[in-house]
Amino acid sequence: MFFLKEKSIPLTEFFTDDFVDIHSHLLPGIDDGAKDIDHSISLIKKMSSYGIKNFITTPHVLGDVYPNSTETIKNTLLEVQNALKEHNLNDISINAAAEYMMDEKFMERLAVGDILTLKDNYVLVEMSYFNAPYNLYDILFEIQLKGYKPVLAHPERYIFYHNDFQNFYKLKKAGCLFQLNLLSLTEQYGKSVKATAEKLIKENLYDFVGSDTHHHNHLNLMPKIGTKKVLKKIQDFIINNKKFIFN
């Protein structure tokens, strides 16, 4: 029996002018994303060719590994904004928030309200890929007590939950919103992650999508999601991303 390969469609059919990528690492030299300003501009140009022109980029804030302050992030964002003007990339809009590891230092920031949000009160958070914080649900409670809405980055990548899917329902019940990594729909992160992403989609547990772009290897893989079947699966989440549009 022969199976016809599904016809590809351009990513510009996914990403219209009002789409906002809410998860990426495009600020130069402050985490494991863009290495320098030229790298930042190159990544943004490539993403623009896919139709992604609005960004809330999210550098890691991770203990002593990436101890990025609000000031550091804002200053580096300004550097990118100025470079975009110099390159006459006037159709690009970029702002910055952060991807916060839910650790002790994050709790210290939360206590004093030193949090960069995606927009309004949405805050992007993540966990270690090895295990969840022992006090995860206390952290989620505190985030909401402070008036924020936690958006959990790439829940499908937390392999320690793969064998007990009920954990995902528990997180949703605790007030977590879920952000799908687009490349989780490829085998970039492995078959188990892909299968879990597909199941989370089927169960309608996602709220948003993000590219989580760090480098050109990620962007070179992006066209693999370019099919009508994938678009149909995630179009509601893509629409949700549009609420993050900024002026």
C-alpha atoms as a PDB file:
ATOM      1  CA  MET A   1       0.000   0.000   0.000  1.00  0.00           C
ATOM      2  CA  PHE A   2       1.275   3.447  -0.889  1.00  0.00           C
ATOM      3  CA  PHE A   3       0.795   6.491   1.302  1.00  0.00           C
ATOM      4  CA  LEU A   4       0.901   9.931  -0.254  1.00  0.00           C
ATOM      5  CA  LYS A   5       3.041  12.391   1.635  1.00  0.00           C
ATOM      6  CA  GLU A   6       0.944  15.291   2.868  1.00  0.00           C
ATOM      7  CA  LYS A   7       1.482  18.383   0.765  1.00  0.00           C
ATOM      8  CA  SER A   8       3.423  21.152   2.424  1.00  0.00           C
ATOM      9  CA  ILE A   9       1.993  24.631   2.838  1.00  0.00           C
ATOM     10  CA  PRO A  10       3.996  27.816   3.456  1.00  0.00           C
ATOM     11  CA  LEU A  11       4.413  28.903   7.060  1.00  0.00           C
ATOM     12  CA  THR A  12       2.995  32.283   6.091  1.00  0.00           C
ATOM     13  CA  GLU A  13      -0.378  30.514   6.154  1.00  0.00           C
ATOM     14  CA  PHE A  14       0.223  29.795   9.861  1.00  0.00           C
ATOM     15  CA  PHE A  15       1.648  33.127  10.874  1.00  0.00           C
ATOM     16  CA  THR A  16      -0.415  36.098   9.766  1.00  0.00           C
ATOM     17  CA  ASP A  17       0.491  39.719  10.465  1.00  0.00           C
ATOM     18  CA  ASP A  18      -1.217  39.726  13.865  1.00  0.00           C
ATOM     19  CA  PHE A  19       0.477  36.570  15.171  1.00  0.00           C
ATOM     20  CA  VAL A  20       2.846  37.058  18.119  1.00  0.00           C
ATOM     21  CA  ASP A  21       5.599  34.589  19.011  1.00  0.00           C
ATOM     22  CA  ILE A  22       5.582  34.612  22.822  1.00  0.00           C
ATOM     23  CA  HIS A  23       8.594  32.351  23.430  1.00  0.00           C
ATOM     24  CA  SER A  24      12.051  32.830  21.899  1.00  0.00           C
ATOM     25  CA  HIS A  25      15.645  33.621  22.803  1.00  0.00           C
ATOM     26  CA  LEU A  26      16.582  36.453  20.470  1.00  0.00           C
ATOM     27  CA  LEU A  27      18.389  38.893  22.764  1.00  0.00           C
ATOM     28  CA  PRO A  28      22.136  38.660  22.193  1.00  0.00           C
ATOM     29  CA  GLY A  29      24.624  37.242  24.650  1.00  0.00           C
ATOM     30  CA  ILE A  30      22.498  36.893  27.757  1.00  0.00           C
ATOM     31  CA  ASP A  31      21.421  33.240  27.609  1.00  0.00           C
ATOM     32  CA  ASP A  32      21.782  30.190  25.343  1.00  0.00           C
ATOM     33  CA  GLY A  33      20.033  31.888  22.423  1.00  0.00           C
ATOM     34  CA  ALA A  34      21.407  34.519  20.046  1.00  0.00           C
ATOM     35  CA  LYS A  35      25.169  34.905  20.471  1.00  0.00           C
ATOM     36  CA  ASP A  36      25.534  38.492  19.288  1.00  0.00           C
ATOM     37  CA  ILE A  37      23.518  41.248  17.648  1.00  0.00           C
ATOM     38  CA  ASP A  38      24.222  39.980  14.129  1.00  0.00           C
ATOM     39  CA  HIS A  39      22.887  36.580  15.156  1.00  0.00           C
ATOM     40  CA  SER A  40      19.769  38.240  16.590  1.00  0.00           C
ATOM     41  CA  ILE A  41      19.079  40.117  13.365  1.00  0.00           C
ATOM     42  CA  SER A  42      19.715  37.017  11.249  1.00  0.00           C
ATOM     43  CA  LEU A  43      17.240  34.954  13.304  1.00  0.00           C
ATOM     44  CA  ILE A  44      14.598  37.658  13.154  1.00  0.00           C
ATOM     45  CA  LYS A  45      14.997  38.006   9.380  1.00  0.00           C
ATOM     46  CA  LYS A  46      14.533  34.259   8.929  1.00  0.00           C
ATOM     47  CA  MET A  47      11.469  34.223  11.161  1.00  0.00           C
ATOM     48  CA  SER A  48      10.077  37.192   9.258  1.00  0.00           C
ATOM     49  CA  SER A  49      10.362  35.154   6.051  1.00  0.00           C
ATOM     50  CA  TYR A  50       8.018  32.630   7.706  1.00  0.00           C
ATOM     51  CA  GLY A  51       5.536  35.407   8.488  1.00  0.00           C
ATOM     52  CA  ILE A  52       6.510  35.940  12.133  1.00  0.00           C
ATOM     53  CA  LYS A  53       6.947  39.674  12.596  1.00  0.00           C
ATOM     54  CA  ASN A  54       5.775  40.267  16.166  1.00  0.00           C
ATOM     55  CA  PHE A  55       7.844  39.021  19.091  1.00  0.00           C
ATOM     56  CA  ILE A  56       7.767  38.962  22.852  1.00  0.00           C
ATOM     57  CA  THR A  57      11.163  37.391  23.304  1.00  0.00           C
ATOM     58  CA  THR A  58      11.866  35.589  26.560  1.00  0.00           C
ATOM     59  CA  PRO A  59      15.460  35.191  27.755  1.00  0.00           C
ATOM     60  CA  HIS A  60      16.080  32.682  30.495  1.00  0.00           C
ATOM     61  CA  VAL A  61      16.173  33.846  34.090  1.00  0.00           C
ATOM     62  CA  LEU A  62      17.796  30.878  35.782  1.00  0.00           C
ATOM     63  CA  GLY A  63      19.589  31.130  39.121  1.00  0.00           C
ATOM     64  CA  ASP A  64      23.312  31.806  38.776  1.00  0.00           C
ATOM     65  CA  VAL A  65      23.413  30.330  35.254  1.00  0.00           C
ATOM     66  CA  TYR A  66      21.460  33.166  33.605  1.00  0.00           C
ATOM     67  CA  PRO A  67      20.957  35.742  36.370  1.00  0.00           C
ATOM     68  CA  ASN A  68      19.338  38.249  34.033  1.00  0.00           C
ATOM     69  CA  SER A  69      17.888  41.284  35.743  1.00  0.00           C
ATOM     70  CA  THR A  70      14.958  43.282  34.443  1.00  0.00           C
ATOM     71  CA  GLU A  71      17.427  46.081  33.631  1.00  0.00           C
ATOM     72  CA  THR A  72      19.728  43.737  31.671  1.00  0.00           C
ATOM     73  CA  ILE A  73      16.828  42.441  29.608  1.00  0.00           C
ATOM     74  CA  LYS A  74      15.416  45.889  28.857  1.00  0.00           C
ATOM     75  CA  ASN A  75      18.830  47.288  27.896  1.00  0.00           C
ATOM     76  CA  THR A  76      19.538  44.360  25.570  1.00  0.00           C
ATOM     77  CA  LEU A  77      16.075  44.681  24.044  1.00  0.00           C
ATOM     78  CA  LEU A  78      16.828  48.322  23.238  1.00  0.00           C
ATOM     79  CA  GLU A  79      20.021  47.225  21.491  1.00  0.00           C
ATOM     80  CA  VAL A  80      18.008  44.893  19.250  1.00  0.00           C
ATOM     81  CA  GLN A  81      15.321  47.490  18.584  1.00  0.00           C
ATOM     82  CA  ASN A  82      17.962  50.003  17.500  1.00  0.00           C
ATOM     83  CA  ALA A  83      19.658  47.422  15.261  1.00  0.00           C
ATOM     84  CA  LEU A  84      16.331  46.634  13.580  1.00  0.00           C
ATOM     85  CA  LYS A  85      15.943  50.329  12.751  1.00  0.00           C
ATOM     86  CA  GLU A  86      19.470  50.444  11.353  1.00  0.00           C
ATOM     87  CA  HIS A  87      18.617  47.488   9.102  1.00  0.00           C
ATOM     88  CA  ASN A  88      15.354  49.166   8.027  1.00  0.00           C
ATOM     89  CA  LEU A  89      13.351  46.259   9.406  1.00  0.00           C
ATOM     90  CA  ASN A  90      10.486  48.567  10.218  1.00  0.00           C
ATOM     91  CA  ASP A  91       7.778  45.914   9.968  1.00  0.00           C
ATOM     92  CA  ILE A  92       9.175  44.045  12.986  1.00  0.00           C
ATOM     93  CA  SER A  93       7.770  44.626  16.469  1.00  0.00           C
ATOM     94  CA  ILE A  94       9.714  43.231  19.398  1.00  0.00           C
ATOM     95  CA  ASN A  95       9.249  43.454  23.129  1.00  0.00           C
ATOM     96  CA  ALA A  96      10.712  41.346  25.915  1.00  0.00           C
ATOM     97  CA  ALA A  97       9.563  39.393  28.925  1.00  0.00           C
ATOM     98  CA  ALA A  98      11.425  36.416  30.417  1.00  0.00           C
ATOM     99  CA  GLU A  99      11.250  32.662  30.846  1.00  0.00           C
ATOM    100  CA  TYR A 100      11.518  32.186  34.592  1.00  0.00           C
ATOM    101  CA  MET A 101      12.771  28.982  36.148  1.00  0.00           C
ATOM    102  CA  MET A 102      10.517  28.309  39.131  1.00  0.00           C
ATOM    103  CA  ASP A 103      13.236  28.286  41.764  1.00  0.00           C
ATOM    104  CA  GLU A 104      14.096  30.091  44.988  1.00  0.00           C
ATOM    105  CA  LYS A 105      15.394  33.193  43.210  1.00  0.00           C
ATOM    106  CA  PHE A 106      12.204  33.425  41.184  1.00  0.00           C
ATOM    107  CA  MET A 107      10.235  33.398  44.442  1.00  0.00           C
ATOM    108  CA  GLU A 108      12.371  36.291  45.679  1.00  0.00           C
ATOM    109  CA  ARG A 109      11.568  38.278  42.525  1.00  0.00           C
ATOM    110  CA  LEU A 110       7.910  37.388  42.832  1.00  0.00           C
ATOM    111  CA  ALA A 111       7.812  38.629  46.414  1.00  0.00           C
ATOM    112  CA  VAL A 112       8.878  42.134  45.337  1.00  0.00           C
ATOM    113  CA  GLY A 113       6.989  42.168  42.033  1.00  0.00           C
ATOM    114  CA  ASP A 114      10.133  42.239  39.888  1.00  0.00           C
ATOM    115  CA  ILE A 115       8.546  40.239  37.063  1.00  0.00           C
ATOM    116  CA  LEU A 116       8.532  40.893  33.321  1.00  0.00           C
ATOM    117  CA  THR A 117       5.208  39.697  31.941  1.00  0.00           C
ATOM    118  CA  LEU A 118       4.319  38.625  28.426  1.00  0.00           C
ATOM    119  CA  LYS A 119       1.435  41.084  28.609  1.00  0.00           C
ATOM    120  CA  ASP A 120      -0.798  42.233  31.436  1.00  0.00           C
ATOM    121  CA  ASN A 121      -0.395  39.531  34.106  1.00  0.00           C
ATOM    122  CA  TYR A 122       0.777  36.541  32.019  1.00  0.00           C
ATOM    123  CA  VAL A 123       4.170  35.227  33.163  1.00  0.00           C
ATOM    124  CA  LEU A 124       6.153  32.526  31.323  1.00  0.00           C
ATOM    125  CA  VAL A 125       7.597  29.900  33.659  1.00  0.00           C
ATOM    126  CA  GLU A 126       9.452  26.631  33.298  1.00  0.00           C
ATOM    127  CA  MET A 127      10.740  23.721  35.356  1.00  0.00           C
ATOM    128  CA  SER A 128      13.870  21.608  35.282  1.00  0.00           C
ATOM    129  CA  TYR A 129      13.746  18.809  32.698  1.00  0.00           C
ATOM    130  CA  PHE A 130      14.832  16.376  35.420  1.00  0.00           C
ATOM    131  CA  ASN A 131      12.110  16.891  37.997  1.00  0.00           C
ATOM    132  CA  ALA A 132       9.442  19.302  39.158  1.00  0.00           C
ATOM    133  CA  PRO A 133      10.088  21.562  42.173  1.00  0.00           C
ATOM    134  CA  TYR A 134       9.083  19.792  45.374  1.00  0.00           C
ATOM    135  CA  ASN A 135       6.845  22.778  46.179  1.00  0.00           C
ATOM    136  CA  LEU A 136       5.501  23.274  42.637  1.00  0.00           C
ATOM    137  CA  TYR A 137       1.890  23.768  43.626  1.00  0.00           C
ATOM    138  CA  ASP A 138       2.836  26.218  46.367  1.00  0.00           C
ATOM    139  CA  ILE A 139       4.746  28.225  43.739  1.00  0.00           C
ATOM    140  CA  LEU A 140       1.791  28.194  41.347  1.00  0.00           C
ATOM    141  CA  PHE A 141      -0.465  29.324  44.189  1.00  0.00           C
ATOM    142  CA  GLU A 142       1.891  32.184  45.091  1.00  0.00           C
ATOM    143  CA  ILE A 143       2.122  33.303  41.452  1.00  0.00           C
ATOM    144  CA  GLN A 144      -1.649  33.611  41.309  1.00  0.00           C
ATOM    145  CA  LEU A 145      -1.876  35.142  44.770  1.00  0.00           C
ATOM    146  CA  LYS A 146       0.344  37.948  43.442  1.00  0.00           C
ATOM    147  CA  GLY A 147      -2.120  38.493  40.609  1.00  0.00           C
ATOM    148  CA  TYR A 148      -0.234  36.722  37.806  1.00  0.00           C
ATOM    149  CA  LYS A 149      -1.306  33.954  35.427  1.00  0.00           C
ATOM    150  CA  PRO A 150       1.376  31.243  35.016  1.00  0.00           C
ATOM    151  CA  VAL A 151       2.021  30.136  31.436  1.00  0.00           C
ATOM    152  CA  LEU A 152       4.001  26.896  31.586  1.00  0.00           C
ATOM    153  CA  ALA A 153       6.504  26.663  28.747  1.00  0.00           C
ATOM    154  CA  HIS A 154       6.597  23.393  26.762  1.00  0.00           C
ATOM    155  CA  PRO A 155       4.810  21.057  29.219  1.00  0.00           C
ATOM    156  CA  GLU A 156       5.283  18.238  26.707  1.00  0.00           C
ATOM    157  CA  ARG A 157       9.037  18.319  27.343  1.00  0.00           C
ATOM    158  CA  TYR A 158       8.797  17.361  31.024  1.00  0.00           C
ATOM    159  CA  ILE A 159       9.465  13.670  30.486  1.00  0.00           C
ATOM    160  CA  PHE A 160       8.899  12.796  34.150  1.00  0.00           C
ATOM    161  CA  TYR A 161       5.174  13.394  33.517  1.00  0.00           C
ATOM    162  CA  HIS A 162       4.905  11.229  30.402  1.00  0.00           C
ATOM    163  CA  ASN A 163       3.975   8.057  32.253  1.00  0.00           C
ATOM    164  CA  ASP A 164       1.273   9.723  34.355  1.00  0.00           C
ATOM    165  CA  PHE A 165      -0.817  11.987  32.160  1.00  0.00           C
ATOM    166  CA  GLN A 166      -3.020  12.970  35.100  1.00  0.00           C
ATOM    167  CA  ASN A 167      -0.273  15.361  36.170  1.00  0.00           C
ATOM    168  CA  PHE A 168      -1.138  17.590  33.215  1.00  0.00           C
ATOM    169  CA  TYR A 169      -4.778  17.772  34.283  1.00  0.00           C
ATOM    170  CA  LYS A 170      -3.641  18.564  37.808  1.00  0.00           C
ATOM    171  CA  LEU A 171      -1.493  21.452  36.546  1.00  0.00           C
ATOM    172  CA  LYS A 172      -4.403  22.845  34.539  1.00  0.00           C
ATOM    173  CA  LYS A 173      -6.680  22.574  37.577  1.00  0.00           C
ATOM    174  CA  ALA A 174      -4.053  24.482  39.573  1.00  0.00           C
ATOM    175  CA  GLY A 175      -4.390  27.408  37.152  1.00  0.00           C
ATOM    176  CA  CYS A 176      -1.546  26.740  34.718  1.00  0.00           C
ATOM    177  CA  LEU A 177      -1.877  27.779  31.104  1.00  0.00           C
ATOM    178  CA  PHE A 178       0.103  25.661  28.633  1.00  0.00           C
ATOM    179  CA  GLN A 179       2.373  26.814  25.789  1.00  0.00           C
ATOM    180  CA  LEU A 180       3.249  24.307  23.058  1.00  0.00           C
ATOM    181  CA  ASN A 181       6.681  24.379  21.447  1.00  0.00           C
ATOM    182  CA  LEU A 182       6.037  24.235  17.704  1.00  0.00           C
ATOM    183  CA  LEU A 183       9.044  21.990  17.145  1.00  0.00           C
ATOM    184  CA  SER A 184       7.595  19.446  19.559  1.00  0.00           C
ATOM    185  CA  LEU A 185       5.415  18.475  16.600  1.00  0.00           C
ATOM    186  CA  THR A 186       8.597  17.327  14.860  1.00  0.00           C
ATOM    187  CA  GLU A 187      11.077  14.854  16.352  1.00  0.00           C
ATOM    188  CA  GLN A 188      13.401  17.656  17.476  1.00  0.00           C
ATOM    189  CA  TYR A 189      12.965  16.671  21.125  1.00  0.00           C
ATOM    190  CA  GLY A 190      12.306  12.973  20.580  1.00  0.00           C
ATOM    191  CA  LYS A 191       9.378  10.674  19.815  1.00  0.00           C
ATOM    192  CA  SER A 192       8.062  10.652  23.373  1.00  0.00           C
ATOM    193  CA  VAL A 193       7.804  14.456  23.462  1.00  0.00           C
ATOM    194  CA  LYS A 194       6.065  14.465  20.080  1.00  0.00           C
ATOM    195  CA  ALA A 195       3.573  11.820  21.206  1.00  0.00           C
ATOM    196  CA  THR A 196       2.837  13.738  24.404  1.00  0.00           C
ATOM    197  CA  ALA A 197       2.355  16.990  22.477  1.00  0.00           C
ATOM    198  CA  GLU A 198      -0.098  15.233  20.176  1.00  0.00           C
ATOM    199  CA  LYS A 199      -2.043  13.881  23.141  1.00  0.00           C
ATOM    200  CA  LEU A 200      -2.137  17.283  24.867  1.00  0.00           C
ATOM    201  CA  ILE A 201      -3.503  18.764  21.636  1.00  0.00           C
ATOM    202  CA  LYS A 202      -6.114  16.012  21.382  1.00  0.00           C
ATOM    203  CA  GLU A 203      -7.184  16.676  24.973  1.00  0.00           C
ATOM    204  CA  ASN A 204      -7.354  20.425  24.207  1.00  0.00           C
ATOM    205  CA  LEU A 205      -5.008  21.282  27.070  1.00  0.00           C
ATOM    206  CA  TYR A 206      -2.862  23.875  25.289  1.00  0.00           C
ATOM    207  CA  ASP A 207      -3.555  27.601  25.334  1.00  0.00           C
ATOM    208  CA  PHE A 208      -0.723  29.120  23.292  1.00  0.00           C
ATOM    209  CA  VAL A 209       2.157  28.255  20.975  1.00  0.00           C
ATOM    210  CA  GLY A 210       5.736  29.487  20.781  1.00  0.00           C
ATOM    211  CA  SER A 211       8.758  28.847  18.615  1.00  0.00           C
ATOM    212  CA  ASP A 212      11.324  28.676  21.471  1.00  0.00           C
ATOM    213  CA  THR A 213      13.859  29.721  18.840  1.00  0.00           C
ATOM    214  CA  HIS A 214      17.483  29.672  19.998  1.00  0.00           C
ATOM    215  CA  HIS A 215      19.409  29.284  16.745  1.00  0.00           C
ATOM    216  CA  HIS A 216      19.112  28.629  13.013  1.00  0.00           C
ATOM    217  CA  ASN A 217      18.925  24.860  13.450  1.00  0.00           C
ATOM    218  CA  HIS A 218      15.541  25.382  15.074  1.00  0.00           C
ATOM    219  CA  LEU A 219      14.368  27.581  12.225  1.00  0.00           C
ATOM    220  CA  ASN A 220      15.608  25.151   9.592  1.00  0.00           C
ATOM    221  CA  LEU A 221      13.301  22.517  11.100  1.00  0.00           C
ATOM    222  CA  MET A 222      10.265  24.784  11.282  1.00  0.00           C
ATOM    223  CA  PRO A 223       8.978  24.065   7.733  1.00  0.00           C
ATOM    224  CA  LYS A 224       8.401  20.451   8.842  1.00  0.00           C
ATOM    225  CA  ILE A 225       5.237  21.577  10.628  1.00  0.00           C
ATOM    226  CA  GLY A 226       3.952  23.229   7.442  1.00  0.00           C
ATOM    227  CA  THR A 227       0.956  21.049   6.568  1.00  0.00           C
ATOM    228  CA  LYS A 228      -2.788  21.675   6.606  1.00  0.00           C
ATOM    229  CA  LYS A 229      -3.189  18.840   9.105  1.00  0.00           C
ATOM    230  CA  VAL A 230      -0.904  20.526  11.633  1.00  0.00           C
ATOM    231  CA  LEU A 231      -2.461  23.945  11.014  1.00  0.00           C
ATOM    232  CA  LYS A 232      -5.911  22.560  11.725  1.00  0.00           C
ATOM    233  CA  LYS A 233      -4.673  21.042  14.992  1.00  0.00           C
ATOM    234  CA  ILE A 234      -3.099  24.211  16.368  1.00  0.00           C
ATOM    235  CA  GLN A 235      -5.019  27.060  14.753  1.00  0.00           C
ATOM    236  CA  ASP A 236      -6.983  27.809  17.942  1.00  0.00           C
ATOM    237  CA  PHE A 237      -3.749  28.247  19.898  1.00  0.00           C
ATOM    238  CA  ILE A 238      -2.328  30.460  17.140  1.00  0.00           C
ATOM    239  CA  ILE A 239      -5.450  32.624  17.414  1.00  0.00           C
ATOM    240  CA  ASN A 240      -4.916  32.874  21.191  1.00  0.00           C
ATOM    241  CA  ASN A 241      -1.411  34.205  20.582  1.00  0.00           C
ATOM    242  CA  LYS A 242      -2.890  37.186  18.793  1.00  0.00           C
ATOM    243  CA  LYS A 243      -4.161  38.583  22.093  1.00  0.00           C
ATOM    244  CA  PHE A 244      -0.545  39.431  22.892  1.00  0.00           C
ATOM    245  CA  ILE A 245      -0.287  41.965  20.070  1.00  0.00           C
ATOM    246  CA  PHE A 246       1.345  45.182  21.224  1.00  0.00           C
ATOM    247  CA  ASN A 247       1.733  48.666  19.794  1.00  0.00           C
END
